[in-house]
């Protein structure tokens, strides 16, 4: 869904410029692309650390039940999801910038508690 970076309007009604695979090709001036995942499922999904992987270059922001974001490396982000039962629960993902010749795509994949996650927790005393 297209939104404006500087506005709280939910849906601007403008179209996203999409690639043939359905991912945003580029963003217009002041435009962001928003995706809501596990929306309004309250506590019917698992909370905790998730790993987000994607291809391409750009900036992803997270909202709603995401309470912590760790940018581990290029194309590798860890987010902490704290489950809620209130209004607007779930994982909000917002693309605020994308490199036109290498846009963000094939993501945002969410993975939960892999061996890598357990090792990360041990190394960082989480």
N, C-alpha and C. Protein backbone atom coordinates (compact mmCIF):
# COMPACT_ATOMS: atom_id res chain seq x y z
N UNK A 1 0.84 -1.16 0.00
CA UNK A 1 0.00 0.00 0.00
C UNK A 1 0.89 1.23 0.00
N UNK A 2 0.52 2.23 -0.77
CA UNK A 2 1.28 3.48 -0.85
C UNK A 2 0.83 4.43 0.25
N UNK A 3 1.81 5.03 0.91
CA UNK A 3 1.56 6.07 1.90
C UNK A 3 2.55 7.20 1.67
N UNK A 4 2.35 8.31 2.40
CA UNK A 4 3.29 9.41 2.33
C UNK A 4 4.21 9.36 3.55
N UNK A 5 5.47 9.66 3.34
CA UNK A 5 6.44 9.65 4.42
C UNK A 5 6.10 10.68 5.49
N UNK A 6 5.58 11.83 5.09
CA UNK A 6 5.35 12.93 6.02
C UNK A 6 3.90 13.06 6.47
N UNK A 7 3.09 12.02 6.27
CA UNK A 7 1.68 12.09 6.62
C UNK A 7 1.27 10.83 7.37
N UNK A 8 0.24 10.97 8.17
CA UNK A 8 -0.30 9.80 8.86
C UNK A 8 -1.51 9.23 8.13
N UNK A 9 -1.80 9.73 6.94
CA UNK A 9 -2.91 9.20 6.15
C UNK A 9 -2.66 7.72 5.87
N UNK A 10 -3.67 6.89 6.10
CA UNK A 10 -3.49 5.45 5.97
C UNK A 10 -3.24 5.03 4.53
N UNK A 11 -4.06 5.50 3.61
CA UNK A 11 -3.91 5.10 2.22
C UNK A 11 -4.07 6.35 1.35
N UNK A 12 -3.02 6.69 0.64
CA UNK A 12 -3.06 7.92 -0.16
C UNK A 12 -3.83 7.73 -1.47
N UNK A 13 -4.10 6.49 -1.84
CA UNK A 13 -4.80 6.23 -3.09
C UNK A 13 -3.90 6.29 -4.31
N UNK A 14 -2.62 6.55 -4.11
CA UNK A 14 -1.69 6.55 -5.24
C UNK A 14 -1.18 5.14 -5.47
N UNK A 15 -0.74 4.88 -6.68
CA UNK A 15 -0.23 3.56 -7.02
C UNK A 15 1.26 3.46 -6.77
N UNK A 16 1.70 2.28 -6.39
CA UNK A 16 3.13 1.99 -6.31
C UNK A 16 3.61 1.58 -7.69
N UNK A 17 4.82 1.96 -8.04
CA UNK A 17 5.44 1.53 -9.29
C UNK A 17 6.06 0.16 -9.03
N UNK A 18 5.40 -0.90 -9.50
CA UNK A 18 5.81 -2.27 -9.20
C UNK A 18 6.60 -2.91 -10.32
N UNK A 19 7.50 -3.80 -9.94
CA UNK A 19 8.24 -4.63 -10.89
C UNK A 19 7.31 -5.76 -11.36
N UNK A 20 7.74 -6.52 -12.33
CA UNK A 20 6.93 -7.64 -12.83
C UNK A 20 6.72 -8.72 -11.77
N UNK A 21 7.62 -8.81 -10.76
CA UNK A 21 7.48 -9.80 -9.69
C UNK A 21 6.63 -9.29 -8.53
N UNK A 22 6.09 -8.06 -8.64
CA UNK A 22 5.20 -7.52 -7.63
C UNK A 22 5.85 -6.67 -6.56
N UNK A 23 7.17 -6.61 -6.54
CA UNK A 23 7.87 -5.79 -5.56
C UNK A 23 8.01 -4.36 -6.08
N UNK A 24 8.07 -3.36 -5.18
CA UNK A 24 8.21 -1.97 -5.64
C UNK A 24 9.50 -1.76 -6.45
N UNK A 25 9.38 -1.15 -7.61
CA UNK A 25 10.54 -0.85 -8.46
C UNK A 25 11.25 0.40 -7.98
N UNK A 26 10.47 1.37 -7.54
CA UNK A 26 11.01 2.64 -7.04
C UNK A 26 9.90 3.32 -6.26
N UNK A 27 10.29 4.29 -5.46
CA UNK A 27 9.33 5.09 -4.71
C UNK A 27 9.34 6.51 -5.25
N UNK A 28 8.17 7.11 -5.32
CA UNK A 28 8.07 8.50 -5.74
C UNK A 28 8.50 9.40 -4.58
N UNK A 29 8.70 10.66 -4.84
CA UNK A 29 9.06 11.63 -3.82
C UNK A 29 8.02 11.61 -2.71
N UNK A 30 8.45 11.46 -1.46
CA UNK A 30 7.60 11.45 -0.27
C UNK A 30 6.70 10.21 -0.18
N UNK A 31 6.97 9.17 -0.97
CA UNK A 31 6.15 7.96 -0.96
C UNK A 31 6.87 6.85 -0.21
N UNK A 32 6.11 6.05 0.54
CA UNK A 32 6.61 4.84 1.18
C UNK A 32 5.65 3.70 0.84
N UNK A 33 6.15 2.47 0.94
CA UNK A 33 5.32 1.28 0.71
C UNK A 33 5.17 0.56 2.04
N UNK A 34 3.94 0.24 2.42
CA UNK A 34 3.67 -0.37 3.71
C UNK A 34 3.05 -1.75 3.52
N UNK A 35 3.49 -2.69 4.35
CA UNK A 35 2.97 -4.05 4.36
C UNK A 35 2.64 -4.42 5.80
N UNK A 36 1.44 -4.92 6.02
CA UNK A 36 1.05 -5.39 7.35
C UNK A 36 1.03 -6.91 7.33
N UNK A 37 1.74 -7.52 8.25
CA UNK A 37 1.77 -8.99 8.32
C UNK A 37 1.25 -9.44 9.67
N UNK A 38 0.84 -10.67 9.77
CA UNK A 38 0.20 -11.25 10.95
C UNK A 38 -0.71 -10.22 11.63
N UNK A 39 -1.57 -9.63 10.84
CA UNK A 39 -2.42 -8.50 11.27
C UNK A 39 -3.62 -8.98 12.06
N UNK A 40 -3.84 -8.37 13.22
CA UNK A 40 -4.99 -8.62 14.08
C UNK A 40 -5.20 -10.10 14.43
N UNK A 41 -4.11 -10.80 14.62
CA UNK A 41 -4.23 -12.19 15.08
C UNK A 41 -4.03 -12.29 16.58
N UNK A 42 -3.91 -11.12 17.20
CA UNK A 42 -3.73 -10.99 18.64
C UNK A 42 -2.58 -11.88 19.10
N UNK A 43 -2.81 -12.79 19.99
CA UNK A 43 -1.70 -13.63 20.49
C UNK A 43 -1.69 -15.00 19.84
N UNK A 44 -2.22 -15.10 18.62
CA UNK A 44 -2.27 -16.39 17.93
C UNK A 44 -1.07 -16.58 17.01
N UNK A 45 0.01 -15.90 17.30
CA UNK A 45 1.30 -16.16 16.66
C UNK A 45 2.35 -16.05 17.74
N UNK A 46 3.55 -16.46 17.44
CA UNK A 46 4.60 -16.56 18.45
C UNK A 46 5.38 -15.26 18.54
N UNK A 47 5.53 -14.74 19.74
CA UNK A 47 6.34 -13.55 19.95
C UNK A 47 7.80 -13.92 20.15
N UNK A 48 8.67 -12.95 20.08
CA UNK A 48 10.09 -13.17 20.30
C UNK A 48 10.91 -12.59 19.16
N UNK A 49 12.14 -13.05 19.04
CA UNK A 49 13.06 -12.55 18.02
C UNK A 49 12.78 -13.18 16.67
N UNK A 50 12.68 -12.36 15.65
CA UNK A 50 12.53 -12.79 14.27
C UNK A 50 13.71 -12.27 13.47
N UNK A 51 14.11 -13.01 12.46
CA UNK A 51 15.15 -12.57 11.53
C UNK A 51 14.48 -12.21 10.22
N UNK A 52 14.78 -11.03 9.69
CA UNK A 52 14.21 -10.54 8.44
C UNK A 52 15.33 -10.51 7.40
N UNK A 53 15.15 -11.23 6.29
CA UNK A 53 16.13 -11.28 5.22
C UNK A 53 15.50 -10.76 3.94
N UNK A 54 16.30 -10.07 3.13
CA UNK A 54 15.79 -9.54 1.87
C UNK A 54 16.95 -9.30 0.92
N UNK A 55 16.64 -9.14 -0.36
CA UNK A 55 17.63 -8.81 -1.39
C UNK A 55 17.45 -7.35 -1.78
N UNK A 56 18.49 -6.75 -2.30
CA UNK A 56 18.42 -5.38 -2.77
C UNK A 56 18.88 -4.39 -1.72
N UNK A 57 18.81 -3.10 -2.08
CA UNK A 57 19.25 -2.05 -1.17
C UNK A 57 18.12 -1.07 -0.91
N UNK A 58 17.96 -0.71 0.34
CA UNK A 58 16.94 0.25 0.73
C UNK A 58 16.83 0.30 2.23
N UNK A 59 15.79 0.96 2.71
CA UNK A 59 15.58 1.12 4.15
C UNK A 59 14.22 0.57 4.52
N UNK A 60 14.20 -0.35 5.49
CA UNK A 60 12.97 -0.89 6.03
C UNK A 60 12.79 -0.40 7.46
N UNK A 61 11.59 0.05 7.80
CA UNK A 61 11.22 0.41 9.16
C UNK A 61 10.14 -0.57 9.61
N UNK A 62 10.04 -0.76 10.92
CA UNK A 62 9.08 -1.71 11.48
C UNK A 62 8.22 -1.01 12.54
N UNK A 63 6.97 -1.47 12.69
CA UNK A 63 6.06 -0.83 13.64
C UNK A 63 5.09 -1.86 14.22
N UNK A 64 4.09 -1.36 14.90
CA UNK A 64 3.04 -2.12 15.55
C UNK A 64 3.62 -2.91 16.71
N UNK A 65 3.63 -4.24 16.69
CA UNK A 65 4.12 -5.03 17.81
C UNK A 65 5.63 -5.22 17.82
N UNK A 66 6.34 -4.60 16.90
CA UNK A 66 7.80 -4.68 16.87
C UNK A 66 8.35 -3.67 17.87
N UNK A 67 9.07 -4.17 18.88
CA UNK A 67 9.55 -3.28 19.94
C UNK A 67 11.06 -3.05 19.90
N UNK A 68 11.78 -3.82 19.10
CA UNK A 68 13.23 -3.64 19.01
C UNK A 68 13.69 -4.05 17.62
N UNK A 69 14.62 -3.27 17.05
CA UNK A 69 15.15 -3.55 15.71
C UNK A 69 16.67 -3.50 15.78
N UNK A 70 17.32 -4.58 15.32
CA UNK A 70 18.78 -4.66 15.27
C UNK A 70 19.20 -4.90 13.82
N UNK A 71 19.90 -3.97 13.24
CA UNK A 71 20.40 -4.12 11.87
C UNK A 71 21.73 -4.85 11.97
N UNK A 72 21.71 -6.15 11.68
CA UNK A 72 22.86 -7.03 11.87
C UNK A 72 23.88 -6.82 10.75
N UNK A 73 23.43 -6.82 9.53
CA UNK A 73 24.29 -6.68 8.36
C UNK A 73 23.41 -6.26 7.19
N UNK A 74 24.06 -5.97 6.07
CA UNK A 74 23.27 -5.64 4.88
C UNK A 74 22.30 -6.79 4.59
N UNK A 75 21.05 -6.48 4.41
CA UNK A 75 20.01 -7.46 4.08
C UNK A 75 19.68 -8.43 5.22
N UNK A 76 20.04 -8.08 6.45
CA UNK A 76 19.80 -8.97 7.59
C UNK A 76 19.44 -8.11 8.80
N UNK A 77 18.18 -8.19 9.22
CA UNK A 77 17.68 -7.41 10.35
C UNK A 77 17.03 -8.37 11.34
N UNK A 78 17.23 -8.11 12.62
CA UNK A 78 16.55 -8.88 13.67
C UNK A 78 15.53 -7.95 14.33
N UNK A 79 14.31 -8.43 14.47
CA UNK A 79 13.27 -7.64 15.13
C UNK A 79 12.71 -8.43 16.30
N UNK A 80 12.33 -7.72 17.36
CA UNK A 80 11.67 -8.37 18.49
C UNK A 80 10.20 -8.02 18.43
N UNK A 81 9.35 -9.03 18.48
CA UNK A 81 7.90 -8.84 18.42
C UNK A 81 7.32 -9.14 19.80
N UNK A 82 6.70 -8.12 20.39
CA UNK A 82 6.05 -8.25 21.69
C UNK A 82 4.54 -8.35 21.44
N UNK A 83 3.97 -9.51 21.68
CA UNK A 83 2.56 -9.75 21.38
C UNK A 83 1.63 -8.84 22.15
N UNK A 84 0.62 -8.31 21.45
CA UNK A 84 -0.41 -7.53 22.10
C UNK A 84 -1.78 -7.98 21.62
N UNK A 85 -2.80 -7.59 22.35
CA UNK A 85 -4.17 -7.91 21.94
C UNK A 85 -4.96 -6.64 21.64
N UNK A 86 -4.29 -5.49 21.67
CA UNK A 86 -4.96 -4.22 21.41
C UNK A 86 -5.20 -4.00 19.93
N UNK A 87 -5.66 -2.81 19.63
CA UNK A 87 -5.89 -2.40 18.25
C UNK A 87 -4.55 -2.30 17.53
N UNK A 88 -4.54 -2.61 16.24
CA UNK A 88 -3.35 -2.51 15.39
C UNK A 88 -2.21 -3.41 15.85
N UNK A 89 -2.51 -4.66 16.12
CA UNK A 89 -1.44 -5.59 16.46
C UNK A 89 -0.97 -6.33 15.22
N UNK A 90 0.25 -6.78 15.25
CA UNK A 90 0.87 -7.47 14.12
C UNK A 90 2.24 -6.89 13.85
N UNK A 91 2.76 -7.11 12.66
CA UNK A 91 4.07 -6.60 12.27
C UNK A 91 3.86 -5.65 11.09
N UNK A 92 4.22 -4.41 11.28
CA UNK A 92 4.16 -3.42 10.21
C UNK A 92 5.54 -3.27 9.60
N UNK A 93 5.63 -3.37 8.28
CA UNK A 93 6.89 -3.21 7.57
C UNK A 93 6.71 -2.06 6.59
N UNK A 94 7.64 -1.10 6.62
CA UNK A 94 7.54 0.07 5.75
C UNK A 94 8.84 0.28 5.00
N UNK A 95 8.75 0.29 3.68
CA UNK A 95 9.88 0.58 2.82
C UNK A 95 9.92 2.08 2.61
N UNK A 96 10.97 2.73 3.14
CA UNK A 96 11.05 4.19 3.05
C UNK A 96 12.04 4.66 2.00
N UNK A 97 12.89 3.76 1.52
CA UNK A 97 13.84 4.12 0.47
C UNK A 97 14.26 2.82 -0.23
N UNK A 98 14.49 2.89 -1.52
CA UNK A 98 14.91 1.73 -2.28
C UNK A 98 15.78 2.19 -3.45
N UNK A 99 16.89 1.52 -3.62
CA UNK A 99 17.80 1.88 -4.71
C UNK A 99 17.19 1.43 -6.04
N UNK A 100 17.06 2.35 -6.97
CA UNK A 100 16.33 2.05 -8.21
C UNK A 100 16.96 0.93 -9.03
N UNK A 101 18.30 0.85 -9.06
CA UNK A 101 18.93 -0.21 -9.86
C UNK A 101 19.13 -1.51 -9.08
N UNK A 102 18.76 -1.52 -7.79
CA UNK A 102 18.83 -2.74 -6.97
C UNK A 102 17.77 -2.64 -5.86
N UNK A 103 16.48 -2.60 -6.23
CA UNK A 103 15.43 -2.38 -5.22
C UNK A 103 15.26 -3.56 -4.27
N UNK A 104 14.73 -3.27 -3.09
CA UNK A 104 14.44 -4.34 -2.13
C UNK A 104 13.40 -5.28 -2.72
N UNK A 105 13.65 -6.57 -2.59
CA UNK A 105 12.75 -7.59 -3.15
C UNK A 105 13.01 -8.91 -2.43
N UNK A 106 12.24 -9.93 -2.77
CA UNK A 106 12.37 -11.28 -2.21
C UNK A 106 12.37 -11.25 -0.69
N UNK A 107 11.75 -10.36 -0.09
CA UNK A 107 11.66 -10.23 1.36
C UNK A 107 10.31 -9.61 1.62
N UNK A 108 9.97 -9.32 2.67
CA UNK A 108 10.63 -9.50 3.93
C UNK A 108 10.26 -10.88 4.47
N UNK A 109 11.25 -11.72 4.57
CA UNK A 109 11.03 -13.06 5.08
C UNK A 109 11.25 -13.03 6.58
N UNK A 110 10.34 -13.60 7.34
CA UNK A 110 10.45 -13.64 8.79
C UNK A 110 10.76 -15.07 9.22
N UNK A 111 11.79 -15.23 10.01
CA UNK A 111 12.13 -16.54 10.55
C UNK A 111 12.16 -16.46 12.06
N UNK A 112 11.74 -17.49 12.73
CA UNK A 112 11.62 -17.46 14.18
C UNK A 112 12.50 -18.51 14.83
N UNK A 113 13.33 -18.12 15.78
CA UNK A 113 14.13 -19.00 16.65
C UNK A 113 14.83 -20.15 15.93
N UNK A 114 15.72 -19.80 15.05
CA UNK A 114 16.56 -20.80 14.42
C UNK A 114 17.78 -21.03 15.32
N UNK A 115 18.67 -21.94 14.93
CA UNK A 115 19.90 -22.13 15.69
C UNK A 115 20.71 -20.84 15.71
N UNK A 116 20.66 -20.09 14.61
CA UNK A 116 21.36 -18.80 14.56
C UNK A 116 20.80 -17.87 15.64
N UNK A 117 19.48 -17.87 15.83
CA UNK A 117 18.85 -17.02 16.83
C UNK A 117 19.30 -17.41 18.24
N UNK A 118 19.35 -18.71 18.50
CA UNK A 118 19.77 -19.17 19.82
C UNK A 118 21.23 -18.79 20.08
N UNK A 119 22.09 -18.93 19.07
CA UNK A 119 23.48 -18.55 19.21
C UNK A 119 23.59 -17.03 19.43
N UNK A 120 22.81 -16.24 18.69
CA UNK A 120 22.79 -14.79 18.84
C UNK A 120 22.40 -14.42 20.27
N UNK A 121 21.38 -15.09 20.81
CA UNK A 121 20.92 -14.81 22.17
C UNK A 121 22.03 -15.10 23.18
N UNK A 122 22.70 -16.23 23.00
CA UNK A 122 23.78 -16.60 23.92
C UNK A 122 24.93 -15.59 23.87
N UNK A 123 25.32 -15.19 22.65
CA UNK A 123 26.43 -14.27 22.50
C UNK A 123 26.13 -12.88 23.04
N UNK A 124 24.86 -12.50 22.99
CA UNK A 124 24.47 -11.15 23.41
C UNK A 124 23.72 -11.13 24.74
N UNK A 125 23.74 -12.25 25.47
CA UNK A 125 23.10 -12.35 26.78
C UNK A 125 21.64 -11.88 26.78
N UNK A 126 20.91 -12.35 25.79
CA UNK A 126 19.48 -11.98 25.68
C UNK A 126 18.64 -13.09 26.26
